Amino acid sequence: MRLALAIPDIKNNRAKITVRTAPFAAVFALFLLSGCAMKSFSIENAVPDKATVTGSVAPAPQADAKGAADQSTVRNIVSALNFTEWGNKPVPWSNPETGSQGTITAIAEKKTDAGLCREFQTSRESFDGVMLYKGETCMQNGGQWALKSFAPM
């Protein structure tokens, strides 16, 4: 049995079948297919190569930096409130730097040995979800307010 291969004839714009090129085409096809049969495929060889490590993707920024900015925003609002006017009313807050927002739902003022302190509860709505927090801020000797605690409830 002889193989025939269609070779385009540029002059006449039609395919021309020649018997002389058939053995060459058969050898070429066997050469191409021989690469598939050289190494058998097994599931053990399908495991990804763990030795390859790339550093092309930078790690995601930590949420702590955003959380610290939101904590400062809440501290500033709690410390600046006129407690007699806003003590029992919810106070909304937002931080355009991080895109977070929330509502301070409870504020209680107390005097301690360290000075004047305000305990509060707030919500924080951000891109990573909604959380409720409880915190405390106290006035220092120089008149500055410092955040003593700010933790999820």
N, C-alpha and C. Protein backbone atom coordinates (compact mmCIF):
# COMPACT_ATOMS: atom_id res chain seq x y z
N MET A 1 0.85 -1.17 0.00
CA MET A 1 0.00 0.00 0.00
C MET A 1 0.89 1.23 0.00
N ARG A 2 0.60 2.16 -0.85
CA ARG A 2 1.39 3.38 -0.97
C ARG A 2 0.58 4.55 -0.46
N LEU A 3 1.23 5.46 0.26
CA LEU A 3 0.58 6.66 0.74
C LEU A 3 0.77 7.78 -0.27
N ALA A 4 -0.23 8.61 -0.37
CA ALA A 4 -0.12 9.77 -1.25
C ALA A 4 -0.39 11.01 -0.42
N LEU A 5 0.27 12.09 -0.74
CA LEU A 5 0.16 13.33 0.01
C LEU A 5 -0.27 14.43 -0.95
N ALA A 6 -1.19 15.25 -0.51
CA ALA A 6 -1.67 16.34 -1.35
C ALA A 6 -0.72 17.52 -1.17
N ILE A 7 -0.07 17.95 -2.22
CA ILE A 7 0.83 19.09 -2.22
C ILE A 7 0.18 20.18 -3.06
N PRO A 8 0.07 21.37 -2.53
CA PRO A 8 -0.57 22.41 -3.33
C PRO A 8 0.29 22.80 -4.53
N ASP A 9 -0.37 22.96 -5.65
CA ASP A 9 0.31 23.39 -6.87
C ASP A 9 0.03 24.87 -7.02
N ILE A 10 1.07 25.70 -6.83
CA ILE A 10 0.87 27.14 -6.82
C ILE A 10 0.50 27.66 -8.20
N LYS A 11 1.04 27.07 -9.25
CA LYS A 11 0.78 27.57 -10.60
C LYS A 11 -0.67 27.36 -11.02
N ASN A 12 -1.22 26.21 -10.73
CA ASN A 12 -2.57 25.89 -11.20
C ASN A 12 -3.63 26.04 -10.13
N ASN A 13 -3.27 26.44 -8.90
CA ASN A 13 -4.19 26.61 -7.77
C ASN A 13 -5.02 25.36 -7.49
N ARG A 14 -4.40 24.20 -7.55
CA ARG A 14 -5.10 22.97 -7.19
C ARG A 14 -4.13 22.02 -6.53
N ALA A 15 -4.66 21.10 -5.75
CA ALA A 15 -3.82 20.14 -5.04
C ALA A 15 -3.32 19.09 -5.99
N LYS A 16 -2.07 18.73 -5.85
CA LYS A 16 -1.46 17.74 -6.73
C LYS A 16 -0.96 16.60 -5.85
N ILE A 17 -1.36 15.40 -6.14
CA ILE A 17 -0.98 14.24 -5.34
C ILE A 17 0.24 13.61 -6.01
N THR A 18 1.28 13.46 -5.20
CA THR A 18 2.48 12.83 -5.74
C THR A 18 2.84 11.63 -4.89
N VAL A 19 3.37 10.62 -5.52
CA VAL A 19 3.73 9.39 -4.83
C VAL A 19 5.16 9.51 -4.29
N ARG A 20 5.97 10.39 -4.84
CA ARG A 20 7.35 10.51 -4.41
C ARG A 20 7.46 11.09 -3.00
N THR A 21 6.55 11.94 -2.60
CA THR A 21 6.64 12.59 -1.29
C THR A 21 5.98 11.78 -0.16
N ALA A 22 5.27 10.73 -0.51
CA ALA A 22 4.57 9.93 0.50
C ALA A 22 5.51 9.30 1.52
N PRO A 23 6.63 8.67 1.15
CA PRO A 23 7.51 8.09 2.17
C PRO A 23 8.09 9.16 3.11
N PHE A 24 8.43 10.32 2.57
CA PHE A 24 8.95 11.40 3.40
C PHE A 24 7.90 11.85 4.43
N ALA A 25 6.66 11.99 3.99
CA ALA A 25 5.58 12.42 4.89
C ALA A 25 5.32 11.38 5.97
N ALA A 26 5.41 10.11 5.64
CA ALA A 26 5.19 9.05 6.62
C ALA A 26 6.29 9.05 7.68
N VAL A 27 7.53 9.23 7.25
CA VAL A 27 8.65 9.27 8.20
C VAL A 27 8.52 10.50 9.10
N PHE A 28 8.14 11.62 8.52
CA PHE A 28 7.99 12.85 9.30
C PHE A 28 6.87 12.71 10.34
N ALA A 29 5.75 12.09 9.97
CA ALA A 29 4.64 11.87 10.90
C ALA A 29 5.06 10.94 12.04
N LEU A 30 5.81 9.89 11.72
CA LEU A 30 6.29 8.97 12.76
C LEU A 30 7.26 9.68 13.70
N PHE A 31 8.08 10.56 13.15
CA PHE A 31 9.02 11.31 13.97
C PHE A 31 8.27 12.21 14.96
N LEU A 32 7.21 12.87 14.50
CA LEU A 32 6.44 13.74 15.38
C LEU A 32 5.71 12.95 16.46
N LEU A 33 5.16 11.82 16.11
CA LEU A 33 4.39 11.01 17.07
C LEU A 33 5.28 10.25 18.03
N SER A 34 6.55 10.06 17.71
CA SER A 34 7.42 9.29 18.59
C SER A 34 7.67 10.00 19.91
N GLY A 35 7.58 11.32 19.94
CA GLY A 35 7.76 12.05 21.19
C GLY A 35 6.67 11.74 22.20
N CYS A 36 5.48 11.43 21.75
CA CYS A 36 4.37 11.11 22.65
C CYS A 36 4.57 9.76 23.33
N ALA A 37 5.29 8.84 22.65
CA ALA A 37 5.43 7.50 23.19
C ALA A 37 6.71 7.31 23.98
N MET A 38 7.57 8.31 24.03
CA MET A 38 8.85 8.14 24.72
C MET A 38 8.69 8.03 26.23
N LYS A 39 7.80 8.80 26.82
CA LYS A 39 7.63 8.77 28.27
C LYS A 39 6.16 8.54 28.57
N SER A 40 5.91 7.53 29.36
CA SER A 40 4.50 7.23 29.67
C SER A 40 4.01 8.21 30.72
N PHE A 41 2.74 8.49 30.73
CA PHE A 41 2.12 9.41 31.68
C PHE A 41 1.58 8.62 32.86
N SER A 42 1.87 9.09 34.07
CA SER A 42 1.33 8.44 35.25
C SER A 42 0.87 9.53 36.23
N ILE A 43 0.01 9.18 37.15
CA ILE A 43 -0.53 10.14 38.11
C ILE A 43 0.56 10.64 39.06
N GLU A 44 1.60 9.81 39.31
CA GLU A 44 2.69 10.23 40.18
C GLU A 44 3.47 11.39 39.56
N ASN A 45 3.57 11.41 38.24
CA ASN A 45 4.30 12.48 37.56
C ASN A 45 3.46 13.74 37.39
N ALA A 46 2.18 13.69 37.71
CA ALA A 46 1.29 14.83 37.53
C ALA A 46 1.32 15.79 38.71
N VAL A 47 2.11 15.51 39.73
CA VAL A 47 2.20 16.37 40.90
C VAL A 47 2.93 17.66 40.51
N PRO A 48 2.42 18.83 40.95
CA PRO A 48 3.09 20.08 40.61
C PRO A 48 4.49 20.15 41.21
N ASP A 49 5.37 20.84 40.53
CA ASP A 49 6.73 21.01 40.98
C ASP A 49 6.76 22.06 42.08
N LYS A 50 7.08 21.65 43.31
CA LYS A 50 7.08 22.58 44.44
C LYS A 50 8.40 23.31 44.57
N ALA A 51 9.38 22.95 43.78
CA ALA A 51 10.67 23.60 43.85
C ALA A 51 10.65 24.97 43.17
N THR A 52 9.68 25.18 42.30
CA THR A 52 9.58 26.45 41.60
C THR A 52 8.91 27.48 42.50
N VAL A 53 9.62 28.55 42.77
CA VAL A 53 9.10 29.61 43.62
C VAL A 53 9.23 30.92 42.85
N THR A 54 8.15 31.68 42.81
CA THR A 54 8.21 32.97 42.15
C THR A 54 7.91 34.07 43.15
N GLY A 55 8.41 35.23 42.89
CA GLY A 55 8.16 36.38 43.75
C GLY A 55 7.51 37.50 42.98
N SER A 56 6.75 37.14 41.97
CA SER A 56 6.18 38.17 41.11
C SER A 56 4.95 38.83 41.70
N VAL A 57 4.32 38.21 42.69
CA VAL A 57 3.12 38.77 43.28
C VAL A 57 3.45 39.27 44.68
N ALA A 58 3.21 40.54 44.90
CA ALA A 58 3.49 41.12 46.22
C ALA A 58 2.44 40.64 47.22
N PRO A 59 2.81 40.45 48.47
CA PRO A 59 1.82 40.04 49.47
C PRO A 59 0.77 41.13 49.69
N ALA A 60 -0.42 40.70 50.05
CA ALA A 60 -1.51 41.64 50.29
C ALA A 60 -1.20 42.48 51.53
N PRO A 61 -1.62 43.74 51.53
CA PRO A 61 -1.37 44.56 52.72
C PRO A 61 -2.14 44.02 53.91
N GLN A 62 -1.54 44.13 55.06
CA GLN A 62 -2.15 43.62 56.27
C GLN A 62 -3.34 44.49 56.68
N ALA A 63 -4.36 43.85 57.23
CA ALA A 63 -5.54 44.57 57.68
C ALA A 63 -5.25 45.41 58.92
N ASP A 64 -4.13 45.12 59.62
CA ASP A 64 -3.80 45.86 60.84
C ASP A 64 -3.58 47.35 60.57
N ALA A 65 -3.00 47.68 59.41
CA ALA A 65 -2.76 49.09 59.10
C ALA A 65 -4.09 49.82 58.95
N LYS A 66 -5.05 49.17 58.27
CA LYS A 66 -6.38 49.78 58.13
C LYS A 66 -7.08 49.84 59.48
N GLY A 67 -6.93 48.78 60.26
CA GLY A 67 -7.57 48.74 61.58
C GLY A 67 -7.03 49.81 62.50
N ALA A 68 -5.71 50.08 62.43
CA ALA A 68 -5.11 51.11 63.28
C ALA A 68 -5.64 52.49 62.91
N ALA A 69 -5.81 52.74 61.61
CA ALA A 69 -6.36 54.03 61.18
C ALA A 69 -7.80 54.18 61.65
N ASP A 70 -8.57 53.10 61.59
CA ASP A 70 -9.96 53.16 62.06
C ASP A 70 -10.02 53.33 63.57
N GLN A 71 -9.10 52.70 64.29
CA GLN A 71 -9.06 52.86 65.74
C GLN A 71 -8.78 54.32 66.12
N SER A 72 -7.87 54.95 65.40
CA SER A 72 -7.56 56.36 65.67
C SER A 72 -8.77 57.24 65.39
N THR A 73 -9.50 56.93 64.32
CA THR A 73 -10.69 57.70 63.98
C THR A 73 -11.73 57.59 65.10
N VAL A 74 -11.98 56.37 65.55
CA VAL A 74 -12.97 56.16 66.63
C VAL A 74 -12.50 56.83 67.91
N ARG A 75 -11.22 56.70 68.24
CA ARG A 75 -10.68 57.35 69.45
C ARG A 75 -10.88 58.86 69.39
N ASN A 76 -10.61 59.46 68.24
CA ASN A 76 -10.76 60.92 68.10
C ASN A 76 -12.21 61.35 68.29
N ILE A 77 -13.15 60.56 67.76
CA ILE A 77 -14.57 60.91 67.90
C ILE A 77 -15.02 60.75 69.34
N VAL A 78 -14.66 59.63 69.96
CA VAL A 78 -15.07 59.37 71.35
C VAL A 78 -14.50 60.43 72.28
N SER A 79 -13.25 60.81 72.06
CA SER A 79 -12.63 61.79 72.96
C SER A 79 -13.16 63.20 72.73
N ALA A 80 -13.62 63.51 71.52
CA ALA A 80 -14.08 64.87 71.22
C ALA A 80 -15.56 65.09 71.52
N LEU A 81 -16.30 64.02 71.80
CA LEU A 81 -17.75 64.17 72.02
C LEU A 81 -18.05 64.93 73.31
N ASN A 82 -19.09 65.74 73.25
CA ASN A 82 -19.64 66.32 74.46
C ASN A 82 -20.46 65.21 75.11
N PHE A 83 -19.92 64.64 76.16
CA PHE A 83 -20.51 63.43 76.74
C PHE A 83 -21.94 63.65 77.23
N THR A 84 -22.24 64.81 77.80
CA THR A 84 -23.60 65.04 78.32
C THR A 84 -24.62 65.10 77.19
N GLU A 85 -24.20 65.51 76.00
CA GLU A 85 -25.12 65.60 74.86
C GLU A 85 -25.23 64.30 74.08
N TRP A 86 -24.10 63.58 73.90
CA TRP A 86 -24.07 62.41 73.03
C TRP A 86 -23.95 61.09 73.80
N GLY A 87 -23.95 61.08 75.09
CA GLY A 87 -23.71 59.87 75.86
C GLY A 87 -24.61 58.70 75.54
N ASN A 88 -25.87 58.93 75.23
CA ASN A 88 -26.81 57.83 74.99
C ASN A 88 -27.27 57.71 73.55
N LYS A 89 -26.76 58.53 72.66
CA LYS A 89 -27.18 58.50 71.26
C LYS A 89 -26.12 57.80 70.40
N PRO A 90 -26.56 57.03 69.39
CA PRO A 90 -25.58 56.44 68.47
C PRO A 90 -24.88 57.54 67.66
N VAL A 91 -23.59 57.37 67.45
CA VAL A 91 -22.79 58.36 66.73
C VAL A 91 -22.16 57.67 65.52
N PRO A 92 -22.53 58.09 64.30
CA PRO A 92 -21.91 57.47 63.12
C PRO A 92 -20.49 58.01 62.90
N TRP A 93 -19.64 57.18 62.32
CA TRP A 93 -18.28 57.60 61.97
C TRP A 93 -17.90 56.99 60.63
N SER A 94 -16.95 57.61 59.97
CA SER A 94 -16.42 57.05 58.72
C SER A 94 -14.97 57.48 58.58
N ASN A 95 -14.21 56.65 57.90
CA ASN A 95 -12.80 56.93 57.65
C ASN A 95 -12.58 56.88 56.14
N PRO A 96 -12.50 58.03 55.48
CA PRO A 96 -12.31 58.02 54.02
C PRO A 96 -10.97 57.43 53.59
N GLU A 97 -10.00 57.40 54.49
CA GLU A 97 -8.69 56.83 54.17
C GLU A 97 -8.77 55.33 53.90
N THR A 98 -9.60 54.62 54.69
CA THR A 98 -9.72 53.17 54.55
C THR A 98 -11.03 52.73 53.92
N GLY A 99 -12.00 53.63 53.84
CA GLY A 99 -13.31 53.26 53.32
C GLY A 99 -14.21 52.60 54.35
N SER A 100 -13.76 52.53 55.59
CA SER A 100 -14.55 51.91 56.65
C SER A 100 -15.50 52.92 57.26
N GLN A 101 -16.55 52.38 57.87
CA GLN A 101 -17.52 53.22 58.57
C GLN A 101 -18.15 52.40 59.68
N GLY A 102 -18.88 53.06 60.55
CA GLY A 102 -19.53 52.34 61.64
C GLY A 102 -20.35 53.28 62.49
N THR A 103 -20.84 52.74 63.60
CA THR A 103 -21.65 53.51 64.53
C THR A 103 -21.19 53.20 65.95
N ILE A 104 -20.89 54.26 66.68
CA ILE A 104 -20.57 54.10 68.10
C ILE A 104 -21.91 54.03 68.82
N THR A 105 -22.22 52.88 69.41
CA THR A 105 -23.56 52.65 69.96
C THR A 105 -23.65 52.92 71.46
N ALA A 106 -22.55 52.86 72.18
CA ALA A 106 -22.60 53.09 73.62
C ALA A 106 -21.31 53.75 74.07
N ILE A 107 -21.44 54.75 74.94
CA ILE A 107 -20.28 55.42 75.52
C ILE A 107 -20.55 55.59 77.02
N ALA A 108 -19.60 55.21 77.84
CA ALA A 108 -19.71 55.38 79.30
C ALA A 108 -18.45 56.06 79.79
N GLU A 109 -18.64 57.10 80.57
CA GLU A 109 -17.50 57.86 81.08
C GLU A 109 -17.26 57.46 82.53
N LYS A 110 -16.00 57.33 82.91
CA LYS A 110 -15.67 56.98 84.29
C LYS A 110 -14.35 57.66 84.67
N LYS A 111 -14.22 57.95 85.95
CA LYS A 111 -12.99 58.53 86.47
C LYS A 111 -12.24 57.45 87.22
N THR A 112 -10.98 57.30 86.87
CA THR A 112 -10.14 56.30 87.51
C THR A 112 -8.92 56.99 88.10
N ASP A 113 -8.03 56.20 88.72
CA ASP A 113 -6.79 56.76 89.26
C ASP A 113 -5.93 57.33 88.13
N ALA A 114 -6.06 56.75 86.94
CA ALA A 114 -5.27 57.23 85.79
C ALA A 114 -5.86 58.50 85.19
N GLY A 115 -7.10 58.81 85.51
CA GLY A 115 -7.74 60.00 84.95
C GLY A 115 -9.10 59.68 84.37
N LEU A 116 -9.54 60.52 83.47
CA LEU A 116 -10.85 60.36 82.84
C LEU A 116 -10.76 59.34 81.72
N CYS A 117 -11.67 58.37 81.72
CA CYS A 117 -11.70 57.33 80.67
C CYS A 117 -13.11 57.22 80.11
N ARG A 118 -13.19 56.80 78.86
CA ARG A 118 -14.48 56.54 78.21
C ARG A 118 -14.44 55.15 77.58
N GLU A 119 -15.40 54.32 77.98
CA GLU A 119 -15.56 53.01 77.37
C GLU A 119 -16.61 53.14 76.27
N PHE A 120 -16.44 52.39 75.20
CA PHE A 120 -17.38 52.51 74.08
C PHE A 120 -17.53 51.17 73.37
N GLN A 121 -18.62 51.09 72.63
CA GLN A 121 -18.87 49.96 71.73
C GLN A 121 -19.13 50.55 70.36
N THR A 122 -18.58 49.93 69.33
CA THR A 122 -18.75 50.43 67.98
C THR A 122 -18.81 49.28 66.98
N SER A 123 -19.42 49.56 65.86
CA SER A 123 -19.38 48.63 64.75
C SER A 123 -18.35 49.14 63.76
N ARG A 124 -17.83 48.24 62.94
CA ARG A 124 -16.89 48.61 61.88
C ARG A 124 -17.28 47.84 60.63
N GLU A 125 -17.72 48.58 59.62
CA GLU A 125 -18.09 47.99 58.34
C GLU A 125 -16.99 48.33 57.35
N SER A 126 -16.34 47.29 56.80
CA SER A 126 -15.27 47.51 55.85
C SER A 126 -15.38 46.47 54.74
N PHE A 127 -14.42 46.49 53.84
CA PHE A 127 -14.45 45.56 52.71
C PHE A 127 -14.28 44.12 53.15
N ASP A 128 -13.72 43.90 54.33
CA ASP A 128 -13.53 42.54 54.80
C ASP A 128 -14.65 42.06 55.73
N GLY A 129 -15.71 42.85 55.90
CA GLY A 129 -16.86 42.40 56.68
C GLY A 129 -17.28 43.40 57.74
N VAL A 130 -18.23 42.97 58.57
CA VAL A 130 -18.77 43.80 59.64
C VAL A 130 -18.39 43.15 60.97
N MET A 131 -17.87 43.96 61.89
CA MET A 131 -17.48 43.45 63.21
C MET A 131 -17.94 44.43 64.28
N LEU A 132 -18.14 43.91 65.48
CA LEU A 132 -18.46 44.74 66.65
C LEU A 132 -17.22 44.78 67.55
N TYR A 133 -16.93 45.96 68.06
CA TYR A 133 -15.75 46.16 68.90
C TYR A 133 -16.13 46.82 70.22
N LYS A 134 -15.29 46.56 71.22
CA LYS A 134 -15.42 47.22 72.51
C LYS A 134 -14.06 47.83 72.81
N GLY A 135 -14.05 49.08 73.27
CA GLY A 135 -12.79 49.74 73.51
C GLY A 135 -12.84 50.72 74.66
N GLU A 136 -11.66 51.25 75.00
CA GLU A 136 -11.55 52.24 76.06
C GLU A 136 -10.45 53.23 75.69
N THR A 137 -10.73 54.49 75.88
CA THR A 137 -9.73 55.54 75.67
C THR A 137 -9.67 56.41 76.93
N CYS A 138 -8.46 56.81 77.30
CA CYS A 138 -8.28 57.58 78.53
C CYS A 138 -7.46 58.84 78.24
N MET A 139 -7.75 59.89 79.02
CA MET A 139 -7.01 61.13 78.88
C MET A 139 -5.71 61.03 79.67
N GLN A 140 -4.62 61.38 79.00
CA GLN A 140 -3.30 61.36 79.63
C GLN A 140 -3.06 62.68 80.38
N ASN A 141 -1.96 62.78 81.09
CA ASN A 141 -1.64 63.99 81.87
C ASN A 141 -1.56 65.24 81.01
N GLY A 142 -1.06 65.13 79.79
CA GLY A 142 -0.91 66.29 78.93
C GLY A 142 -2.19 66.69 78.21
N GLY A 143 -3.29 66.01 78.47
CA GLY A 143 -4.55 66.32 77.82
C GLY A 143 -4.82 65.52 76.55
N GLN A 144 -3.87 64.70 76.14
CA GLN A 144 -4.05 63.84 74.96
C GLN A 144 -4.80 62.57 75.35
N TRP A 145 -5.63 62.09 74.43
CA TRP A 145 -6.35 60.85 74.65
C TRP A 145 -5.56 59.70 74.07
N ALA A 146 -5.50 58.59 74.81
CA ALA A 146 -4.79 57.39 74.36
C ALA A 146 -5.76 56.22 74.36
N LEU A 147 -5.70 55.42 73.33
CA LEU A 147 -6.54 54.24 73.23
C LEU A 147 -5.94 53.13 74.08
N LYS A 148 -6.66 52.69 75.11
CA LYS A 148 -6.18 51.65 76.01
C LYS A 148 -6.53 50.25 75.49
N SER A 149 -7.72 50.12 74.89
CA SER A 149 -8.11 48.82 74.36
C SER A 149 -9.06 49.02 73.18
N PHE A 150 -9.01 48.09 72.25
CA PHE A 150 -9.91 48.08 71.10
C PHE A 150 -9.88 46.66 70.57
N ALA A 151 -10.91 45.88 70.89
CA ALA A 151 -10.90 44.47 70.56
C ALA A 151 -12.28 44.02 70.09
N PRO A 152 -12.33 42.99 69.24
CA PRO A 152 -13.63 42.47 68.81
C PRO A 152 -14.41 41.91 69.99
N MET A 153 -15.70 42.04 69.91
CA MET A 153 -16.56 41.50 70.98
C MET A 153 -16.86 40.05 70.71
